[in-house]
Amino acid sequence: MSTALKSIKSLSPLLDRILVQRIKAESKTAGGIFLPESSVKELNEAKVLAVGPGGLDKEGKRVTPSVAPGDKVLIPQYGGNPVKVGEEEYSLFRDHELLAKINDSCIAYRTTILTEHTTSAASQTSSLASLILPKIDHRTPQKLTYTHNQNFIHYIADAPSDHPSGDPSAGGLTYLVVAAASFGRRIPFGYLVEIKKQFLARHGGGDAAEAGAGPGTDFAALPPYGAADFNATLKQLMVSFGTTQGGKRDAISNVQADIDNVKGIMTENIERVLERGERIDLLVDKTDRLGVGAHDFRVRSRGLKRQMWWKNVKLMVLLGVVVVFLVYLFVGFGCGLPG
């Protein structure tokens, strides 16, 4: 819908409505080549510009919206009420119609985000933490990367086995960051290792608790954004690792330490593979013997089948002779022939 408004700032959403503006996709490649309009994909990401006071529940109480101005959100491909002010296009969605809130870096316990840092809406780096966190399994430690458009979503998920003598709730923590594909994996994972170390040191969990730095925080009892005091540290470390050579060197050293740990695991795995190879050789020998036995069984079964067939033929011939003899006797008695 077109309006006579001169500025979008004069538009205030009502109830649980959210005013957003879709983030425009890049129309130019990293090499400076402009893409045709038909090749530019429309993004489902938007920046929240204004938020209504919230809807009312069945008891008449005001429900606080789940987003705030400045947040980045994932919106559905279709739906919403379009609003056009001048040449700019905006959309009004209800709070429950928004698909997910977008973060750039966060630390979460299970599916509860404890601290996060979101860059400006002009940035194309984004993560869908609310969609990824439920898929993470904390039974074993994980270091994985997902892809989303031109970005990589990296995360480290702890397991209780990572903190055998510390706070067991630290085994449910996930450290997540999104970076452009050009950063590769070395720098982002170096950043994750650093925020993990500083977060546990500040909140007395994990290694800090094991070292006697005091009782660990019960992360399971923290409410959403219960560790928001770490937001500034996330921002500082993100800038440091992403833009300074010192941060990149720290990332290299952190990842090198992880590589040394992985070498030990790889050696152990190789030994297991070799042992498994010996077992496979035994299995192959048993398979060969079974193959020979199966061939002998087929030969014997074919011979037995022929024998049974000949027995059936002989039995049928004998029955035929008996039937013919009986018919002959009946016919002979009927005609008065001597017995």
Protein backbone atom coordinates (compact mmCIF):
# COMPACT_ATOMS: atom_id res chain seq x y z
CA MET A 1 0.00 0.00 0.00
CA SER A 2 1.22 3.51 -0.81
CA THR A 3 1.05 6.24 1.83
CA ALA A 4 1.35 9.99 1.98
CA LEU A 5 3.95 9.75 4.75
CA LYS A 6 7.14 11.70 4.23
CA SER A 7 9.15 9.63 6.71
CA ILE A 8 8.78 6.09 7.94
CA LYS A 9 9.63 7.32 11.45
CA SER A 10 6.13 8.74 11.74
CA LEU A 11 4.63 5.24 11.46
CA SER A 12 4.07 3.48 14.82
CA PRO A 13 2.90 -0.16 14.69
CA LEU A 14 -0.04 -1.18 16.89
CA LEU A 15 -0.40 -4.23 19.15
CA ASP A 16 2.00 -7.05 18.12
CA ARG A 17 2.82 -5.68 14.67
CA ILE A 18 6.46 -5.31 13.61
CA LEU A 19 7.69 -2.85 10.96
CA VAL A 20 10.62 -4.24 8.98
CA GLN A 21 12.61 -3.42 5.88
CA ARG A 22 13.97 -6.24 3.74
CA ILE A 23 17.75 -6.27 3.41
CA LYS A 24 18.77 -5.89 -0.21
CA ALA A 25 21.10 -8.48 -1.71
CA GLU A 26 24.46 -7.43 -3.09
CA SER A 27 24.23 -6.56 -6.78
CA LYS A 28 28.01 -6.53 -7.22
CA THR A 29 30.49 -9.38 -6.82
CA ALA A 30 33.69 -9.19 -4.80
CA GLY A 31 35.56 -8.56 -8.05
CA GLY A 32 33.47 -5.47 -8.82
CA ILE A 33 31.22 -7.06 -11.46
CA PHE A 34 27.62 -5.84 -11.40
CA LEU A 35 25.03 -8.61 -11.59
CA PRO A 36 21.87 -8.36 -13.69
CA GLU A 37 18.62 -7.96 -11.75
CA SER A 38 17.51 -11.47 -12.78
CA SER A 39 20.60 -12.95 -11.07
CA VAL A 40 20.18 -11.12 -7.76
CA LYS A 41 18.27 -13.28 -5.29
CA GLU A 42 15.83 -11.65 -2.91
CA LEU A 43 16.91 -12.19 0.69
CA ASN A 44 14.49 -13.25 3.43
CA GLU A 45 16.36 -11.14 5.96
CA ALA A 46 15.04 -7.85 7.28
CA LYS A 47 15.87 -5.16 9.81
CA VAL A 48 13.35 -4.30 12.51
CA LEU A 49 12.56 -0.57 12.40
CA ALA A 50 9.70 -0.26 14.88
CA VAL A 51 7.84 -2.55 17.26
CA GLY A 52 4.31 -2.28 18.61
CA PRO A 53 3.57 -2.35 22.35
CA GLY A 54 2.55 -6.03 22.11
CA GLY A 55 -0.69 -7.95 21.83
CA LEU A 56 -2.99 -9.04 24.65
CA ASP A 57 -3.31 -12.60 25.90
CA LYS A 58 -6.54 -14.31 27.01
CA GLU A 59 -6.27 -12.69 30.44
CA GLY A 60 -5.85 -9.22 28.97
CA LYS A 61 -2.17 -8.95 29.87
CA ARG A 62 0.26 -7.30 27.51
CA VAL A 63 2.66 -9.74 25.76
CA THR A 64 6.09 -8.24 25.15
CA PRO A 65 7.26 -8.62 21.52
CA SER A 66 10.15 -11.01 20.94
CA VAL A 67 12.20 -8.50 18.93
CA ALA A 68 13.37 -4.91 19.29
CA PRO A 69 14.25 -2.11 16.86
CA GLY A 70 17.60 -2.77 15.25
CA ASP A 71 17.29 -6.55 15.35
CA LYS A 72 17.70 -8.61 12.20
CA VAL A 73 15.03 -11.22 11.55
CA LEU A 74 14.16 -13.94 9.07
CA ILE A 75 10.83 -13.22 7.38
CA PRO A 76 8.62 -15.51 5.24
CA GLN A 77 8.92 -15.36 1.48
CA TYR A 78 5.32 -14.20 1.18
CA GLY A 79 2.90 -12.47 3.51
CA GLY A 80 2.93 -9.31 5.56
CA ASN A 81 1.40 -5.95 4.68
CA PRO A 82 3.57 -3.91 2.30
CA VAL A 83 4.05 -0.22 3.04
CA LYS A 84 5.64 2.14 0.50
CA VAL A 85 7.04 5.51 1.54
CA GLY A 86 8.52 7.34 -1.42
CA GLU A 87 10.74 4.87 -3.25
CA GLU A 88 11.41 2.73 -0.18
CA GLU A 89 9.41 -0.41 0.57
CA TYR A 90 8.63 -1.74 4.04
CA SER A 91 6.46 -4.50 5.50
CA LEU A 92 4.31 -4.98 8.58
CA PHE A 93 4.30 -8.44 10.16
CA ARG A 94 2.75 -9.77 13.31
CA ASP A 95 5.21 -10.97 15.94
CA HIS A 96 4.31 -14.66 15.48
CA GLU A 97 4.80 -14.42 11.70
CA LEU A 98 8.53 -13.74 12.02
CA LEU A 99 10.48 -16.95 11.49
CA ALA A 100 13.65 -16.33 13.49
CA LYS A 101 15.85 -13.70 15.06
CA ILE A 102 19.22 -13.32 13.41
CA ASN A 103 22.45 -13.15 15.42
CA ASP A 104 26.08 -12.83 14.36
CA SER A 105 27.71 -14.37 17.42
CA CYS A 106 26.22 -15.92 20.50
CA ILE A 107 26.82 -18.27 23.41
CA ALA A 108 23.89 -20.49 24.35
CA TYR A 109 23.01 -23.19 26.83
CA ARG A 110 21.10 -25.79 24.82
CA THR A 111 18.51 -23.60 23.04
CA THR A 112 18.68 -20.64 25.47
CA ILE A 113 20.84 -17.75 24.23
CA LEU A 114 22.86 -16.37 27.16
CA THR A 115 24.81 -13.64 25.37
CA GLU A 116 25.01 -12.38 21.81
CA HIS A 117 26.37 -9.69 19.53
CA THR A 118 24.58 -8.61 16.35
CA THR A 119 26.23 -6.38 13.79
CA SER A 120 24.40 -3.68 11.87
CA ALA A 121 21.71 -4.64 9.37
CA ALA A 122 23.97 -3.50 6.54
CA SER A 123 26.20 -6.50 7.22
CA GLN A 124 25.48 -9.62 5.19
CA THR A 125 26.83 -11.98 7.86
CA SER A 126 23.99 -13.66 9.71
CA SER A 127 23.21 -16.81 11.66
CA LEU A 128 19.93 -18.46 12.44
CA ALA A 129 20.81 -19.51 15.97
CA SER A 130 17.21 -20.26 16.89
CA LEU A 131 17.04 -22.77 14.03
CA ILE A 132 20.47 -24.35 14.49
CA LEU A 133 20.64 -24.71 18.29
CA PRO A 134 17.84 -27.32 18.54
CA LYS A 135 19.75 -29.52 16.07
CA ILE A 136 22.96 -29.61 18.14
CA ASP A 137 23.61 -32.80 20.10
CA HIS A 138 25.67 -32.34 23.29
CA ARG A 139 26.28 -36.03 23.95
CA THR A 140 29.67 -35.70 22.24
CA PRO A 141 31.84 -32.62 21.54
CA GLN A 142 31.28 -31.04 18.13
CA LYS A 143 33.08 -28.54 15.92
CA LEU A 144 31.05 -28.05 12.76
CA THR A 145 30.29 -25.53 10.03
CA TYR A 146 27.02 -24.86 8.19
CA THR A 147 26.64 -22.75 5.06
CA HIS A 148 24.00 -20.05 4.60
CA ASN A 149 24.04 -18.04 1.35
CA GLN A 150 27.57 -16.62 1.14
CA ASN A 151 28.31 -17.08 4.85
CA PHE A 152 29.65 -19.85 7.06
CA ILE A 153 28.03 -20.64 10.42
CA HIS A 154 30.67 -22.10 12.73
CA TYR A 155 30.06 -23.49 16.20
CA ILE A 156 31.73 -25.39 19.02
CA ALA A 157 29.39 -27.52 21.14
CA ASP A 158 30.67 -28.78 24.49
CA ALA A 159 29.69 -32.08 26.06
CA PRO A 160 29.76 -33.20 29.73
CA SER A 161 32.91 -35.18 28.91
CA ASP A 162 34.71 -31.85 28.31
CA HIS A 163 34.21 -30.88 31.97
CA PRO A 164 34.56 -34.10 33.99
CA SER A 165 35.43 -32.35 37.28
CA GLY A 166 33.78 -28.98 36.66
CA ASP A 167 30.20 -27.81 36.39
CA PRO A 168 28.27 -30.42 34.35
CA SER A 169 25.98 -27.70 32.97
CA ALA A 170 28.97 -26.31 31.04
CA GLY A 171 28.66 -29.42 28.88
CA GLY A 172 25.52 -27.93 27.32
CA LEU A 173 27.15 -24.71 26.07
CA THR A 174 27.40 -23.80 22.39
CA TYR A 175 29.69 -21.09 21.01
CA LEU A 176 28.50 -19.86 17.61
CA VAL A 177 29.67 -17.27 15.10
CA VAL A 178 28.93 -16.34 11.51
CA ALA A 179 31.60 -15.06 9.16
CA ALA A 180 31.91 -14.38 5.47
CA ALA A 181 33.22 -17.25 3.39
CA SER A 182 36.40 -15.26 2.71
CA PHE A 183 37.47 -15.71 6.36
CA GLY A 184 37.74 -19.46 5.90
CA ARG A 185 37.55 -21.59 9.05
CA ARG A 186 40.82 -20.88 10.83
CA ILE A 187 40.03 -17.37 12.09
CA PRO A 188 36.39 -18.04 13.12
CA PHE A 189 37.32 -21.15 15.11
CA GLY A 190 40.20 -19.28 16.70
CA TYR A 191 37.66 -16.66 17.76
CA LEU A 192 35.36 -19.34 19.18
CA VAL A 193 38.18 -20.90 21.19
CA GLU A 194 39.02 -17.47 22.64
CA ILE A 195 35.44 -16.53 23.62
CA LYS A 196 35.02 -19.97 25.19
CA LYS A 197 38.16 -19.46 27.29
CA GLN A 198 37.18 -15.96 28.42
CA PHE A 199 33.52 -16.82 29.02
CA LEU A 200 34.34 -19.78 31.27
CA ALA A 201 37.01 -17.76 33.05
CA ARG A 202 34.56 -14.94 33.81
CA HIS A 203 31.66 -17.12 34.91
CA GLY A 204 33.70 -19.66 36.83
CA GLY A 205 32.56 -22.66 34.80
CA GLY A 206 34.39 -25.45 33.04
CA ASP A 207 38.17 -25.18 33.24
CA ALA A 208 38.01 -22.24 35.63
CA ALA A 209 36.02 -24.25 38.16
CA GLU A 210 38.36 -27.19 37.72
CA ALA A 211 41.33 -24.92 38.45
CA GLY A 212 39.77 -23.80 41.72
CA ALA A 213 38.56 -20.38 40.61
CA GLY A 214 35.36 -20.80 42.56
CA PRO A 215 32.06 -22.54 42.07
CA GLY A 216 30.91 -22.71 38.47
CA THR A 217 27.82 -20.96 37.21
CA ASP A 218 24.74 -23.14 36.82
CA PHE A 219 24.14 -22.27 33.18
CA ALA A 220 20.98 -24.38 33.12
CA ALA A 221 19.39 -22.00 35.64
CA LEU A 222 20.23 -18.80 33.75
CA PRO A 223 17.32 -17.06 31.96
CA PRO A 224 17.58 -15.92 28.33
CA TYR A 225 20.38 -13.32 28.05
CA GLY A 226 21.39 -14.14 31.63
CA ALA A 227 25.01 -13.48 30.70
CA ALA A 228 24.41 -10.26 28.76
CA ASP A 229 27.38 -8.67 30.53
CA PHE A 230 29.54 -10.63 28.06
CA ASN A 231 28.00 -8.89 25.01
CA ALA A 232 30.67 -6.19 24.91
CA THR A 233 33.43 -8.81 25.06
CA LEU A 234 31.89 -10.62 22.09
CA LYS A 235 31.89 -7.39 20.11
CA GLN A 236 35.47 -6.54 21.07
CA LEU A 237 36.81 -10.00 20.20
CA MET A 238 34.85 -10.13 16.94
CA VAL A 239 36.38 -6.85 15.80
CA SER A 240 39.84 -7.92 16.98
CA PHE A 241 39.84 -11.28 15.26
CA GLY A 242 38.17 -10.00 12.12
CA THR A 243 40.19 -6.86 11.41
CA THR A 244 43.59 -7.00 13.15
CA GLN A 245 46.67 -9.04 12.38
CA GLY A 246 47.14 -9.72 16.09
CA GLY A 247 43.74 -11.34 16.25
CA LYS A 248 44.52 -13.44 13.22
CA ARG A 249 47.80 -14.58 14.77
CA ASP A 250 45.91 -15.51 17.96
CA ALA A 251 43.47 -17.45 15.84
CA ILE A 252 46.32 -19.34 14.21
CA SER A 253 47.88 -20.27 17.56
CA ASN A 254 44.53 -21.37 18.98
CA VAL A 255 43.76 -23.53 15.99
CA GLN A 256 47.30 -24.96 16.01
CA ALA A 257 46.71 -26.16 19.57
CA ASP A 258 43.48 -27.80 18.45
CA ILE A 259 45.33 -29.45 15.56
CA ASP A 260 47.84 -30.95 18.01
CA ASN A 261 44.96 -32.43 19.98
CA VAL A 262 43.41 -33.78 16.79
CA LYS A 263 46.69 -35.47 15.83
CA GLY A 264 46.48 -37.66 18.92
CA ILE A 265 42.91 -38.57 18.11
CA MET A 266 43.84 -39.34 14.50
CA THR A 267 46.70 -41.62 15.64
CA GLU A 268 44.34 -43.53 17.90
CA ASN A 269 41.78 -43.78 15.11
CA ILE A 270 44.40 -45.07 12.66
CA GLU A 271 45.39 -47.80 15.12
CA ARG A 272 41.75 -48.78 15.39
CA VAL A 273 41.45 -48.84 11.60
CA LEU A 274 44.48 -51.15 11.34
CA GLU A 275 43.01 -53.45 13.96
CA ARG A 276 39.71 -53.33 12.14
CA GLY A 277 41.58 -54.21 8.92
CA GLU A 278 42.84 -57.44 10.48
CA ARG A 279 39.29 -58.30 11.47
CA ILE A 280 38.14 -57.54 7.94
CA ASP A 281 40.73 -60.02 6.57
CA LEU A 282 39.31 -62.72 8.84
CA LEU A 283 35.82 -61.81 7.70
CA VAL A 284 36.89 -62.08 4.05
CA ASP A 285 38.31 -65.58 4.68
CA LYS A 286 35.07 -66.65 6.35
CA THR A 287 33.14 -65.20 3.43
CA ASP A 288 35.23 -67.21 0.96
CA ARG A 289 34.59 -70.40 2.91
CA LEU A 290 30.90 -69.65 3.00
CA GLY A 291 30.97 -69.09 -0.78
CA VAL A 292 32.60 -72.50 -1.37
CA GLY A 293 30.11 -74.15 0.97
CA ALA A 294 27.22 -72.48 -0.82
CA HIS A 295 28.49 -73.75 -4.18
CA ASP A 296 28.74 -77.32 -2.87
CA PHE A 297 25.25 -77.01 -1.43
CA ARG A 298 23.87 -75.89 -4.80
CA VAL A 299 25.54 -78.85 -6.57
CA ARG A 300 24.20 -81.36 -4.04
CA SER A 301 20.74 -79.80 -4.10
CA ARG A 302 20.60 -80.07 -7.92
CA GLY A 303 21.60 -83.76 -7.72
CA LEU A 304 18.99 -84.43 -5.05
CA LYS A 305 16.40 -82.64 -7.18
CA ARG A 306 17.16 -84.93 -10.15
CA GLN A 307 16.97 -88.02 -7.96
CA MET A 308 13.58 -86.99 -6.59
CA TRP A 309 12.37 -86.24 -10.12
CA TRP A 310 13.33 -89.74 -11.33
CA LYS A 311 11.61 -91.30 -8.34
CA ASN A 312 8.43 -89.37 -9.13
CA VAL A 313 8.64 -90.46 -12.79
CA LYS A 314 9.06 -94.13 -11.83
CA LEU A 315 6.15 -93.87 -9.39
CA MET A 316 3.89 -92.33 -12.03
CA VAL A 317 4.84 -95.05 -14.58
CA LEU A 318 4.11 -97.77 -12.01
CA LEU A 319 0.74 -96.21 -11.20
CA GLY A 320 -0.05 -96.03 -14.92
CA VAL A 321 0.72 -99.76 -15.39
CA VAL A 322 -1.47 -100.66 -12.42
CA VAL A 323 -4.35 -98.57 -13.76
CA VAL A 324 -4.07 -100.16 -17.23
CA PHE A 325 -4.02 -103.67 -15.70
CA LEU A 326 -7.11 -102.92 -13.59
CA VAL A 327 -8.97 -101.57 -16.62
CA TYR A 328 -8.04 -104.69 -18.53
CA LEU A 329 -9.42 -106.90 -15.76
CA PHE A 330 -12.70 -104.97 -15.54
CA VAL A 331 -13.16 -105.09 -19.30
CA GLY A 332 -12.31 -108.80 -19.36
CA PHE A 333 -14.83 -109.67 -16.64
CA GLY A 334 -17.50 -107.65 -18.40
CA CYS A 335 -16.98 -109.47 -21.68
CA GLY A 336 -16.97 -112.94 -20.11
CA LEU A 337 -13.35 -113.58 -20.80
CA PRO A 338 -11.63 -116.22 -18.67
CA GLY A 339 -9.87 -114.84 -15.61
